[in-house]
Amino acid sequence: MPLIEVGRICVKTRGREAGRRCVIVDIIDRNFVLITGPRDVTGVRRRRANIDHLKPLDEKIDIRPGASDEEVKAALGLKTEGQPSQDSKS
């Protein structure tokens, strides 16, 4: 199981967003990744983060590299504005 991969849920360990959960959206290089909360869900805005400032969790969602915040919300099973969540469809 790779620890740093697209879709991995992490906890930020440093900075003003320390203690908040985020999702790795893309890998920039061996030291940095692109993360998102999304902001309206966890308070973590989409930004570049040092992998040393993230604690990977066992949880992983299925998203494509570079996924939008709306795609991340859908993968998490959250309702996006004006659209029903995937769980509410019967």
C-alpha atoms as a PDB file:
ATOM      1  CA  MET A   1       0.000   0.000   0.000  1.00  0.00           C
ATOM      2  CA  PRO A   2       1.666   3.238  -1.092  1.00  0.00           C
ATOM      3  CA  LEU A   3       1.225   5.901   1.555  1.00  0.00           C
ATOM      4  CA  ILE A   4       1.256   8.876  -0.800  1.00  0.00           C
ATOM      5  CA  GLU A   5      -1.152   8.311  -3.679  1.00  0.00           C
ATOM      6  CA  VAL A   6      -4.041  10.105  -5.368  1.00  0.00           C
ATOM      7  CA  GLY A   7      -7.217   9.653  -3.324  1.00  0.00           C
ATOM      8  CA  ARG A   8      -5.472   8.983  -0.004  1.00  0.00           C
ATOM      9  CA  ILE A   9      -7.111  10.744   2.945  1.00  0.00           C
ATOM     10  CA  CYS A  10      -4.621  12.470   5.255  1.00  0.00           C
ATOM     11  CA  VAL A  11      -4.509  14.687   8.316  1.00  0.00           C
ATOM     12  CA  LYS A  12      -2.496  17.910   8.126  1.00  0.00           C
ATOM     13  CA  THR A  13       0.072  18.033  10.927  1.00  0.00           C
ATOM     14  CA  ARG A  14       1.452  21.550  10.468  1.00  0.00           C
ATOM     15  CA  GLY A  15       0.184  25.044   9.723  1.00  0.00           C
ATOM     16  CA  ARG A  16      -3.109  26.768  10.365  1.00  0.00           C
ATOM     17  CA  GLU A  17      -5.021  23.752   9.058  1.00  0.00           C
ATOM     18  CA  ALA A  18      -3.266  21.277  11.390  1.00  0.00           C
ATOM     19  CA  GLY A  19      -5.550  18.496  12.595  1.00  0.00           C
ATOM     20  CA  ARG A  20      -7.922  18.765   9.643  1.00  0.00           C
ATOM     21  CA  ARG A  21      -8.541  16.024   7.087  1.00  0.00           C
ATOM     22  CA  CYS A  22      -7.702  16.440   3.424  1.00  0.00           C
ATOM     23  CA  VAL A  23      -7.484  14.365   0.239  1.00  0.00           C
ATOM     24  CA  ILE A  24      -4.446  14.051  -2.048  1.00  0.00           C
ATOM     25  CA  VAL A  25      -5.614  15.179  -5.490  1.00  0.00           C
ATOM     26  CA  ASP A  26      -2.321  15.045  -7.417  1.00  0.00           C
ATOM     27  CA  ILE A  27       1.373  14.345  -6.871  1.00  0.00           C
ATOM     28  CA  ILE A  28       3.570  17.296  -7.870  1.00  0.00           C
ATOM     29  CA  ASP A  29       7.013  15.797  -7.152  1.00  0.00           C
ATOM     30  CA  ARG A  30       8.713  13.653  -4.509  1.00  0.00           C
ATOM     31  CA  ASN A  31       8.219  16.302  -1.805  1.00  0.00           C
ATOM     32  CA  PHE A  32       4.920  18.011  -2.646  1.00  0.00           C
ATOM     33  CA  VAL A  33       1.335  17.002  -3.376  1.00  0.00           C
ATOM     34  CA  LEU A  34      -1.832  18.904  -4.283  1.00  0.00           C
ATOM     35  CA  ILE A  35      -4.489  18.562  -1.579  1.00  0.00           C
ATOM     36  CA  THR A  36      -8.051  19.702  -0.988  1.00  0.00           C
ATOM     37  CA  GLY A  37     -10.527  19.416   1.877  1.00  0.00           C
ATOM     38  CA  PRO A  38     -12.716  20.544   0.079  1.00  0.00           C
ATOM     39  CA  ARG A  39     -12.762  23.876   1.897  1.00  0.00           C
ATOM     40  CA  ASP A  40     -16.513  23.983   2.558  1.00  0.00           C
ATOM     41  CA  VAL A  41     -16.357  20.451   4.022  1.00  0.00           C
ATOM     42  CA  THR A  42     -13.208  20.374   6.199  1.00  0.00           C
ATOM     43  CA  GLY A  43     -11.833  23.898   5.940  1.00  0.00           C
ATOM     44  CA  VAL A  44      -8.737  22.862   3.963  1.00  0.00           C
ATOM     45  CA  ARG A  45      -8.430  24.850   0.758  1.00  0.00           C
ATOM     46  CA  ARG A  46      -6.931  23.437  -2.440  1.00  0.00           C
ATOM     47  CA  ARG A  47      -3.170  23.972  -2.172  1.00  0.00           C
ATOM     48  CA  ARG A  48       0.288  22.476  -2.501  1.00  0.00           C
ATOM     49  CA  ALA A  49       1.483  20.718   0.648  1.00  0.00           C
ATOM     50  CA  ASN A  50       4.754  19.176   1.771  1.00  0.00           C
ATOM     51  CA  ILE A  51       4.316  15.423   2.306  1.00  0.00           C
ATOM     52  CA  ASP A  52       6.232  15.743   5.596  1.00  0.00           C
ATOM     53  CA  HIS A  53       3.304  17.849   6.868  1.00  0.00           C
ATOM     54  CA  LEU A  54       0.716  15.140   6.163  1.00  0.00           C
ATOM     55  CA  LYS A  55      -0.175  11.994   8.097  1.00  0.00           C
ATOM     56  CA  PRO A  56      -1.704   9.444   5.676  1.00  0.00           C
ATOM     57  CA  LEU A  57      -4.685   7.451   6.944  1.00  0.00           C
ATOM     58  CA  ASP A  58      -5.800   3.966   5.903  1.00  0.00           C
ATOM     59  CA  GLU A  59      -8.780   5.470   4.069  1.00  0.00           C
ATOM     60  CA  LYS A  60      -8.696   6.033   0.300  1.00  0.00           C
ATOM     61  CA  ILE A  61     -11.284   7.262  -2.200  1.00  0.00           C
ATOM     62  CA  ASP A  62     -11.402   6.551  -5.914  1.00  0.00           C
ATOM     63  CA  ILE A  63     -10.703   9.801  -7.805  1.00  0.00           C
ATOM     64  CA  ARG A  64      -8.736  10.691 -10.911  1.00  0.00           C
ATOM     65  CA  PRO A  65      -5.543  12.780 -10.676  1.00  0.00           C
ATOM     66  CA  GLY A  66      -6.415  16.479 -10.693  1.00  0.00           C
ATOM     67  CA  ALA A  67     -10.050  15.883  -9.687  1.00  0.00           C
ATOM     68  CA  SER A  68     -12.162  18.955  -8.939  1.00  0.00           C
ATOM     69  CA  ASP A  69     -13.594  19.682  -5.494  1.00  0.00           C
ATOM     70  CA  GLU A  70     -17.022  18.592  -6.776  1.00  0.00           C
ATOM     71  CA  GLU A  71     -15.605  15.223  -7.881  1.00  0.00           C
ATOM     72  CA  VAL A  72     -13.952  14.773  -4.478  1.00  0.00           C
ATOM     73  CA  LYS A  73     -17.250  15.563  -2.715  1.00  0.00           C
ATOM     74  CA  ALA A  74     -19.052  13.032  -4.912  1.00  0.00           C
ATOM     75  CA  ALA A  75     -16.418  10.367  -4.120  1.00  0.00           C
ATOM     76  CA  LEU A  76     -16.837  11.123  -0.417  1.00  0.00           C
ATOM     77  CA  GLY A  77     -20.607  10.709  -0.824  1.00  0.00           C
ATOM     78  CA  LEU A  78     -21.408  14.320   0.020  1.00  0.00           C
ATOM     79  CA  LYS A  79     -24.121  16.381  -1.598  1.00  0.00           C
ATOM     80  CA  THR A  80     -22.893  19.110  -3.955  1.00  0.00           C
ATOM     81  CA  GLU A  81     -24.858  22.319  -4.479  1.00  0.00           C
ATOM     82  CA  GLY A  82     -28.002  21.667  -6.482  1.00  0.00           C
ATOM     83  CA  GLN A  83     -27.237  17.991  -7.031  1.00  0.00           C
ATOM     84  CA  PRO A  84     -28.394  14.965  -5.024  1.00  0.00           C
ATOM     85  CA  SER A  85     -25.729  12.802  -3.451  1.00  0.00           C
ATOM     86  CA  GLN A  86     -25.005   9.374  -4.927  1.00  0.00           C
ATOM     87  CA  ASP A  87     -26.418   7.669  -1.831  1.00  0.00           C
ATOM     88  CA  SER A  88     -29.868   9.256  -2.189  1.00  0.00           C
ATOM     89  CA  LYS A  89     -30.530   7.690  -5.598  1.00  0.00           C
ATOM     90  CA  SER A  90     -32.618   4.530  -5.389  1.00  0.00           C
END
